[in-house]
Amino acid sequence: MGLMLTFMLLWNMFGALWLLPALARFLIKPEKMAGKQGGSLFAH
């Protein structure tokens, strides 16, 4: 039981650190959030 809990904790940390930012990169488009000026949020 403890081994399964450890595995799930590590999998949850892996998902939070790697999968969620990767999904957000594709699901939330920077061009849509920047408005109609064009370019991305990171271009100055």
C-alpha atoms as a PDB file:
ATOM      1  CA  MET A   1       0.000   0.000   0.000  1.00  0.00           C
ATOM      2  CA  GLY A   2       2.838   2.382   0.844  1.00  0.00           C
ATOM      3  CA  LEU A   3       4.550   1.601  -2.444  1.00  0.00           C
ATOM      4  CA  MET A   4       1.400   2.464  -4.403  1.00  0.00           C
ATOM      5  CA  LEU A   5       1.020   5.720  -2.448  1.00  0.00           C
ATOM      6  CA  THR A   6       4.631   6.637  -3.235  1.00  0.00           C
ATOM      7  CA  PHE A   7       4.120   5.863  -6.913  1.00  0.00           C
ATOM      8  CA  MET A   8       0.969   7.989  -7.107  1.00  0.00           C
ATOM      9  CA  LEU A   9       2.659  10.900  -5.308  1.00  0.00           C
ATOM     10  CA  LEU A  10       5.595  10.818  -7.720  1.00  0.00           C
ATOM     11  CA  TRP A  11       3.282  10.526 -10.738  1.00  0.00           C
ATOM     12  CA  ASN A  12       1.244  13.496  -9.479  1.00  0.00           C
ATOM     13  CA  MET A  13       4.391  15.602  -9.044  1.00  0.00           C
ATOM     14  CA  PHE A  14       5.551  14.592 -12.527  1.00  0.00           C
ATOM     15  CA  GLY A  15       2.210  15.631 -14.003  1.00  0.00           C
ATOM     16  CA  ALA A  16       2.135  18.926 -12.146  1.00  0.00           C
ATOM     17  CA  LEU A  17       5.667  19.906 -13.134  1.00  0.00           C
ATOM     18  CA  TRP A  18       5.817  18.639 -16.705  1.00  0.00           C
ATOM     19  CA  LEU A  19       2.439  17.750 -18.176  1.00  0.00           C
ATOM     20  CA  LEU A  20       0.355  20.753 -17.094  1.00  0.00           C
ATOM     21  CA  PRO A  21       2.726  23.424 -18.493  1.00  0.00           C
ATOM     22  CA  ALA A  22       3.036  21.397 -21.705  1.00  0.00           C
ATOM     23  CA  LEU A  23      -0.742  21.185 -22.045  1.00  0.00           C
ATOM     24  CA  ALA A  24      -1.152  24.871 -21.230  1.00  0.00           C
ATOM     25  CA  ARG A  25       1.355  25.729 -23.965  1.00  0.00           C
ATOM     26  CA  PHE A  26      -0.869  24.102 -26.585  1.00  0.00           C
ATOM     27  CA  LEU A  27      -4.296  24.878 -25.131  1.00  0.00           C
ATOM     28  CA  ILE A  28      -3.780  28.558 -24.263  1.00  0.00           C
ATOM     29  CA  LYS A  29      -2.561  30.370 -27.347  1.00  0.00           C
ATOM     30  CA  PRO A  30      -0.396  33.445 -26.585  1.00  0.00           C
ATOM     31  CA  GLU A  31      -1.665  35.190 -29.716  1.00  0.00           C
ATOM     32  CA  LYS A  32      -5.241  35.014 -28.445  1.00  0.00           C
ATOM     33  CA  MET A  33      -4.263  36.558 -25.099  1.00  0.00           C
ATOM     34  CA  ALA A  34      -2.131  39.318 -26.668  1.00  0.00           C
ATOM     35  CA  GLY A  35      -5.079  40.951 -28.382  1.00  0.00           C
ATOM     36  CA  LYS A  36      -5.226  42.260 -31.934  1.00  0.00           C
ATOM     37  CA  GLN A  37      -1.801  43.971 -31.950  1.00  0.00           C
ATOM     38  CA  GLY A  38      -0.191  40.781 -33.236  1.00  0.00           C
ATOM     39  CA  GLY A  39       2.838  38.980 -31.930  1.00  0.00           C
ATOM     40  CA  SER A  40       3.000  37.062 -28.717  1.00  0.00           C
ATOM     41  CA  LEU A  41       3.012  38.059 -25.072  1.00  0.00           C
ATOM     42  CA  PHE A  42       6.797  37.726 -24.904  1.00  0.00           C
ATOM     43  CA  ALA A  43       7.631  40.058 -27.803  1.00  0.00           C
ATOM     44  CA  HIS A  44       8.390  43.634 -26.830  1.00  0.00           C
END
